[in-house]
Amino acid sequence: MDNNIIITIQELLSGRNAEFDKSEKVKFVRHKNDIEEHHYQDKTYVGSLIQMYRYDYQEFIDYQNEQDLKNFKNVEYIVSFIGEEGSEARFIGVFKSCEKPIEKAKGLAIFNFQEVNGFQALKDKVIINWGDRSWHLWKKDDKGNEVIRIDKGFKSNNLPIFSRYEDIILNYDELKSIIESNNYEWKSKLEACNCVYLILDKSNGKQYVGVTYKDTSKGMKSGIWNRWSEYAKTGHGNDEKLVELCANKPNYAKRNFQWSILETLPLNVIPKVAIERESIYKEKLGTRKNNNYNMN
């Protein structure tokens, strides 16, 4: 081992899963992140692979499960990475091939790679130097991938890491976990201001724009935290069209809704100003039209 290397990914992975340690049929895989349109299993995803992984995890699994048969037919495990800047690659998990692949046309096959336990402490946090090697290679042929840093990753204690208001994208489970955990960092940030926010229905692309502010006449408290707590309880937050969607489908919000922030507003914002800002975004995004979810 190079004396200038502190540790390799192989050393970090060792001893965490006995079956994985015994296997001789392990491949390291580095997925490209700089492609903006992904075609897989008769579907198309527009956006980077890291977006797919973070916000549409099942889509990422479907994407990863479609591979060239010749490259993976004898593989038992893949150690999966997503490429980052330059030759860097972020570790995202170890996946086991759980059944015989289904062959398709043009040499493609649908595998059933399922994530295995034992590597959660490393997941999303470990960044290695991939170098200029092939995007997939057998573990036995690899001479050692240098770990160049370990960062916070995307989650801490099973909650998303707060970075900036503009970066917030939460599915229902994440929103519910944040509110129910009463997490200090998230609560302090979401209580510190108001916002114009967007709820996206990922099943059809339709949108709902809302705003938070203090309105004593209606008993509305100030702050993002208070308004989003209602969504965490119900999924629909008592917004008319969202209530209709969830009425006969109790898991609709869980499966389809995504919350993000369009613009932050002061904690003491005047209701009239907040509503005007909300209205501007409704016009920009057309959420009153085309069967979107804003009623007014």
Protein backbone atom coordinates (compact mmCIF):
# COMPACT_ATOMS: atom_id res chain seq x y z
CA MET A 1 0.00 0.00 0.00
CA ASP A 2 1.17 3.54 -0.83
CA ASN A 3 2.38 5.16 2.41
CA ASN A 4 0.75 8.42 1.29
CA ILE A 5 -2.71 6.81 1.32
CA ILE A 6 -4.41 6.81 4.72
CA ILE A 7 -7.08 4.22 3.87
CA THR A 8 -8.74 2.63 0.86
CA ILE A 9 -12.41 1.95 0.24
CA GLN A 10 -11.68 -1.78 0.31
CA GLU A 11 -10.41 -1.47 3.86
CA LEU A 12 -13.44 0.57 4.90
CA LEU A 13 -15.84 -2.00 3.45
CA SER A 14 -14.15 -4.98 5.04
CA GLY A 15 -15.76 -6.62 8.09
CA ARG A 16 -19.20 -5.06 7.72
CA ASN A 17 -21.04 -7.90 6.00
CA ALA A 18 -19.76 -11.47 6.22
CA GLU A 19 -21.37 -12.73 2.99
CA PHE A 20 -20.02 -9.80 1.04
CA ASP A 21 -16.51 -10.36 2.44
CA LYS A 22 -16.55 -13.98 1.23
CA SER A 23 -17.70 -13.23 -2.31
CA GLU A 24 -15.23 -13.33 -5.19
CA LYS A 25 -17.80 -11.93 -7.64
CA VAL A 26 -17.85 -8.26 -6.66
CA LYS A 27 -17.74 -5.34 -9.08
CA PHE A 28 -17.07 -1.69 -8.39
CA VAL A 29 -19.36 0.57 -10.44
CA ARG A 30 -19.10 4.33 -11.00
CA HIS A 31 -22.26 5.84 -12.50
CA LYS A 32 -21.88 9.06 -14.50
CA ASN A 33 -23.61 12.08 -13.04
CA ASP A 34 -23.16 14.60 -15.86
CA ILE A 35 -25.85 13.24 -18.19
CA GLU A 36 -29.07 15.26 -18.01
CA GLU A 37 -31.42 12.72 -19.61
CA HIS A 38 -31.48 9.06 -18.61
CA HIS A 39 -33.29 6.32 -20.54
CA TYR A 40 -33.98 3.02 -18.77
CA GLN A 41 -36.69 0.38 -18.59
CA ASP A 42 -38.80 2.26 -21.17
CA LYS A 43 -38.71 5.40 -19.00
CA THR A 44 -36.97 8.77 -19.22
CA TYR A 45 -35.66 10.84 -16.32
CA VAL A 46 -34.58 14.45 -16.90
CA GLY A 47 -32.01 15.64 -14.38
CA SER A 48 -28.69 14.55 -12.93
CA LEU A 49 -28.22 11.08 -11.51
CA ILE A 50 -27.54 12.49 -8.05
CA GLN A 51 -30.98 14.20 -8.18
CA MET A 52 -32.56 10.90 -9.15
CA TYR A 53 -30.76 9.10 -6.33
CA ARG A 54 -31.67 11.67 -3.68
CA TYR A 55 -35.23 12.49 -4.63
CA ASP A 56 -36.49 9.51 -6.65
CA TYR A 57 -34.65 6.59 -5.06
CA GLN A 58 -36.82 3.88 -6.61
CA GLU A 59 -36.19 5.38 -10.04
CA PHE A 60 -32.47 5.18 -9.34
CA ILE A 61 -32.84 1.51 -8.40
CA ASP A 62 -34.71 0.88 -11.66
CA TYR A 63 -31.99 2.74 -13.56
CA GLN A 64 -29.20 0.77 -11.91
CA ASN A 65 -31.00 -2.54 -12.45
CA GLU A 66 -30.90 -2.21 -16.25
CA GLN A 67 -27.40 -3.17 -17.40
CA ASP A 68 -25.58 -4.90 -20.25
CA LEU A 69 -25.87 -8.60 -19.56
CA LYS A 70 -22.29 -9.31 -20.61
CA ASN A 71 -20.92 -6.90 -18.00
CA PHE A 72 -22.87 -8.17 -15.00
CA LYS A 73 -24.18 -11.70 -15.63
CA ASN A 74 -21.75 -13.35 -13.18
CA VAL A 75 -21.82 -10.60 -10.56
CA GLU A 76 -23.03 -11.32 -7.01
CA TYR A 77 -22.49 -7.83 -5.55
CA ILE A 78 -21.90 -4.34 -6.88
CA VAL A 79 -20.25 -1.60 -4.86
CA SER A 80 -22.00 1.44 -6.26
CA PHE A 81 -20.69 4.99 -6.65
CA ILE A 82 -21.92 8.15 -8.35
CA GLY A 83 -19.31 10.24 -10.13
CA GLU A 84 -18.61 13.72 -8.84
CA GLU A 85 -16.20 16.46 -9.91
CA GLY A 86 -13.15 15.29 -11.85
CA SER A 87 -12.29 11.70 -11.01
CA GLU A 88 -14.09 11.68 -7.65
CA ALA A 89 -16.83 9.17 -6.83
CA ARG A 90 -19.26 9.06 -3.90
CA PHE A 91 -20.05 5.69 -2.32
CA ILE A 92 -23.81 5.06 -2.18
CA GLY A 93 -24.09 1.44 -1.13
CA VAL A 94 -23.48 -2.27 -1.69
CA PHE A 95 -26.12 -4.13 -3.70
CA LYS A 96 -26.67 -7.87 -4.09
CA SER A 97 -27.94 -9.58 -7.24
CA CYS A 98 -30.99 -11.38 -5.84
CA GLU A 99 -32.29 -13.35 -8.80
CA LYS A 100 -31.56 -14.34 -12.37
CA PRO A 101 -31.62 -11.31 -14.72
CA ILE A 102 -34.38 -10.96 -17.30
CA GLU A 103 -32.84 -10.65 -20.77
CA LYS A 104 -34.04 -7.90 -23.10
CA ALA A 105 -33.14 -6.79 -26.62
CA LYS A 106 -29.77 -5.31 -27.63
CA GLY A 107 -27.89 -7.25 -24.97
CA LEU A 108 -29.61 -5.49 -22.07
CA ALA A 109 -31.03 -7.23 -19.01
CA ILE A 110 -33.07 -6.29 -15.96
CA PHE A 111 -31.27 -7.32 -12.78
CA ASN A 112 -32.60 -7.28 -9.23
CA PHE A 113 -29.82 -5.52 -7.30
CA GLN A 114 -31.01 -4.92 -3.73
CA GLU A 115 -29.11 -2.89 -1.15
CA VAL A 116 -27.60 -4.93 1.71
CA ASN A 117 -27.07 -3.99 5.34
CA GLY A 118 -23.82 -3.20 7.08
CA PHE A 119 -22.66 -0.13 5.20
CA GLN A 120 -25.04 2.56 6.45
CA ALA A 121 -22.29 4.39 8.36
CA LEU A 122 -20.42 4.92 5.09
CA LYS A 123 -23.38 5.50 2.77
CA ASP A 124 -23.28 8.84 0.90
CA LYS A 125 -20.34 10.05 3.00
CA VAL A 126 -17.21 8.46 1.49
CA ILE A 127 -15.58 10.02 -1.58
CA ILE A 128 -12.81 8.15 -3.37
CA ASN A 129 -10.41 8.87 -6.21
CA TRP A 130 -11.64 6.70 -9.08
CA GLY A 131 -8.85 7.67 -11.44
CA ASP A 132 -9.10 7.02 -15.17
CA ARG A 133 -10.22 3.40 -14.99
CA SER A 134 -13.26 1.78 -16.61
CA TRP A 135 -16.64 2.67 -15.05
CA HIS A 136 -16.98 -0.96 -13.89
CA LEU A 137 -14.27 -3.35 -12.74
CA TRP A 138 -13.90 -6.50 -10.66
CA LYS A 139 -12.89 -5.94 -7.07
CA LYS A 140 -10.08 -8.50 -7.43
CA ASP A 141 -8.59 -6.47 -10.30
CA ASP A 142 -8.66 -3.24 -8.34
CA LYS A 143 -5.45 -2.11 -6.70
CA GLY A 144 -7.09 0.07 -4.10
CA ASN A 145 -9.28 3.16 -4.29
CA GLU A 146 -7.91 5.95 -2.13
CA VAL A 147 -10.43 7.61 0.20
CA ILE A 148 -9.90 11.34 -0.26
CA ARG A 149 -12.51 12.61 2.20
CA ILE A 150 -15.47 11.67 4.37
CA ASP A 151 -18.15 14.34 4.69
CA LYS A 152 -21.63 14.67 6.21
CA GLY A 153 -23.34 13.03 3.27
CA PHE A 154 -26.98 13.73 2.51
CA LYS A 155 -28.48 12.61 5.81
CA SER A 156 -27.68 12.61 9.53
CA ASN A 157 -29.63 10.44 11.99
CA ASN A 158 -31.87 9.52 9.03
CA LEU A 159 -32.77 13.17 8.43
CA PRO A 160 -31.69 15.22 5.40
CA ILE A 161 -28.80 17.59 6.04
CA PHE A 162 -29.93 21.23 6.08
CA SER A 163 -27.72 23.33 3.81
CA ARG A 164 -29.67 26.30 2.38
CA TYR A 165 -33.34 27.19 2.08
CA GLU A 166 -32.95 27.20 -1.71
CA ASP A 167 -31.72 23.59 -1.64
CA ILE A 168 -34.64 22.14 0.32
CA ILE A 169 -36.45 19.33 -1.50
CA LEU A 170 -38.38 17.02 0.81
CA ASN A 171 -40.66 14.09 0.19
CA TYR A 172 -43.47 13.34 2.63
CA ASP A 173 -41.54 10.81 4.72
CA GLU A 174 -38.64 13.25 5.12
CA LEU A 175 -40.93 16.14 6.05
CA LYS A 176 -42.81 13.99 8.56
CA SER A 177 -39.56 12.72 10.12
CA ILE A 178 -38.20 16.25 10.48
CA ILE A 179 -41.35 17.56 12.15
CA GLU A 180 -41.88 14.53 14.42
CA SER A 181 -38.22 14.47 15.51
CA ASN A 182 -38.43 18.13 16.53
CA ASN A 183 -34.87 18.35 15.18
CA TYR A 184 -33.24 21.51 16.56
CA GLU A 185 -31.39 22.56 13.41
CA TRP A 186 -34.34 22.13 11.09
CA LYS A 187 -36.81 23.64 13.54
CA SER A 188 -34.67 26.70 14.24
CA LYS A 189 -34.25 27.33 10.48
CA LEU A 190 -37.90 26.79 9.59
CA GLU A 191 -39.13 28.89 12.52
CA ALA A 192 -36.81 31.77 11.58
CA CYS A 193 -38.64 32.90 8.45
CA ASN A 194 -41.65 32.54 6.21
CA CYS A 195 -41.66 31.51 2.58
CA VAL A 196 -43.44 30.98 -0.68
CA TYR A 197 -43.33 27.22 -1.20
CA LEU A 198 -44.10 24.70 -3.90
CA ILE A 199 -45.70 21.27 -3.63
CA LEU A 200 -44.99 19.12 -6.67
CA ASP A 201 -47.05 16.08 -7.54
CA LYS A 202 -44.37 13.86 -9.04
CA SER A 203 -46.93 11.50 -10.58
CA ASN A 204 -48.13 14.10 -13.08
CA GLY A 205 -46.02 17.27 -12.76
CA LYS A 206 -48.89 19.34 -11.34
CA GLN A 207 -48.09 21.98 -8.74
CA TYR A 208 -49.44 23.88 -5.76
CA VAL A 209 -48.00 27.21 -4.58
CA GLY A 210 -48.52 28.28 -0.99
CA VAL A 211 -47.21 30.91 1.41
CA THR A 212 -46.60 31.14 5.16
CA TYR A 213 -47.28 34.19 7.31
CA LYS A 214 -48.95 35.21 10.56
CA ASP A 215 -52.67 35.96 10.30
CA THR A 216 -54.20 36.40 13.76
CA SER A 217 -57.71 36.70 12.32
CA LYS A 218 -57.49 33.09 11.11
CA GLY A 219 -55.30 31.80 13.90
CA MET A 220 -52.38 31.28 11.50
CA LYS A 221 -48.98 31.28 13.20
CA SER A 222 -45.88 32.67 11.59
CA GLY A 223 -43.01 30.58 10.24
CA ILE A 224 -42.49 27.73 7.80
CA TRP A 225 -42.34 25.18 10.62
CA ASN A 226 -45.91 25.80 11.77
CA ARG A 227 -47.47 25.55 8.32
CA TRP A 228 -45.44 22.54 7.22
CA SER A 229 -46.31 20.77 10.47
CA GLU A 230 -49.87 20.61 9.15
CA TYR A 231 -48.67 18.88 5.99
CA ALA A 232 -46.67 16.43 8.10
CA LYS A 233 -49.87 15.51 9.97
CA THR A 234 -52.22 15.14 7.01
CA GLY A 235 -50.23 15.17 3.79
CA HIS A 236 -52.65 17.74 2.32
CA GLY A 237 -52.53 20.57 4.87
CA ASN A 238 -56.28 21.15 4.28
CA ASP A 239 -55.64 22.67 0.84
CA GLU A 240 -58.82 21.94 -1.12
CA LYS A 241 -57.51 20.14 -4.20
CA LEU A 242 -54.87 18.27 -2.20
CA VAL A 243 -57.58 17.09 0.19
CA GLU A 244 -59.51 15.71 -2.81
CA LEU A 245 -56.44 13.80 -4.01
CA CYS A 246 -55.77 12.28 -0.61
CA ALA A 247 -59.38 11.57 0.37
CA ASN A 248 -59.65 8.09 -1.11
CA LYS A 249 -55.92 7.41 -1.35
CA PRO A 250 -54.36 7.75 2.12
CA ASN A 251 -50.84 7.14 0.78
CA TYR A 252 -51.10 9.62 -2.10
CA ALA A 253 -49.00 12.32 -0.42
CA LYS A 254 -46.45 9.77 0.74
CA ARG A 255 -46.00 8.42 -2.78
CA ASN A 256 -46.17 11.62 -4.79
CA PHE A 257 -45.77 14.96 -2.98
CA GLN A 258 -42.53 16.94 -2.76
CA TRP A 259 -41.99 20.22 -0.87
CA SER A 260 -39.52 22.96 -1.83
CA ILE A 261 -39.01 26.68 -1.14
CA LEU A 262 -39.33 29.26 -3.91
CA GLU A 263 -38.56 32.38 -1.86
CA THR A 264 -37.94 33.15 1.80
CA LEU A 265 -39.86 35.99 3.48
CA PRO A 266 -39.27 37.84 6.79
CA LEU A 267 -40.81 36.31 9.90
CA ASN A 268 -42.86 39.51 10.44
CA VAL A 269 -43.94 39.82 6.79
CA ILE A 270 -47.24 41.64 6.34
CA PRO A 271 -49.96 39.22 5.15
CA LYS A 272 -50.78 41.45 2.15
CA VAL A 273 -47.15 41.35 1.00
CA ALA A 274 -46.90 37.58 1.53
CA ILE A 275 -50.07 36.96 -0.52
CA GLU A 276 -48.78 39.23 -3.30
CA ARG A 277 -45.54 37.25 -3.49
CA GLU A 278 -47.52 34.00 -3.56
CA SER A 279 -49.68 35.35 -6.39
CA ILE A 280 -46.64 36.25 -8.48
CA TYR A 281 -45.37 32.66 -8.32
CA LYS A 282 -48.81 31.32 -9.15
CA GLU A 283 -48.70 33.42 -12.31
CA LYS A 284 -45.11 32.48 -13.12
CA LEU A 285 -45.78 28.76 -12.79
CA GLY A 286 -49.36 28.76 -14.07
CA THR A 287 -50.63 26.85 -11.05
CA ARG A 288 -54.17 28.26 -11.39
CA LYS A 289 -54.44 26.80 -14.90
CA ASN A 290 -54.10 23.48 -16.73
CA ASN A 291 -55.66 21.48 -13.88
CA ASN A 292 -52.94 22.47 -11.44
CA TYR A 293 -53.77 22.61 -7.75
CA ASN A 294 -54.30 26.30 -6.88
CA MET A 295 -57.99 27.28 -6.76
CA ASN A 296 -57.42 31.04 -6.70
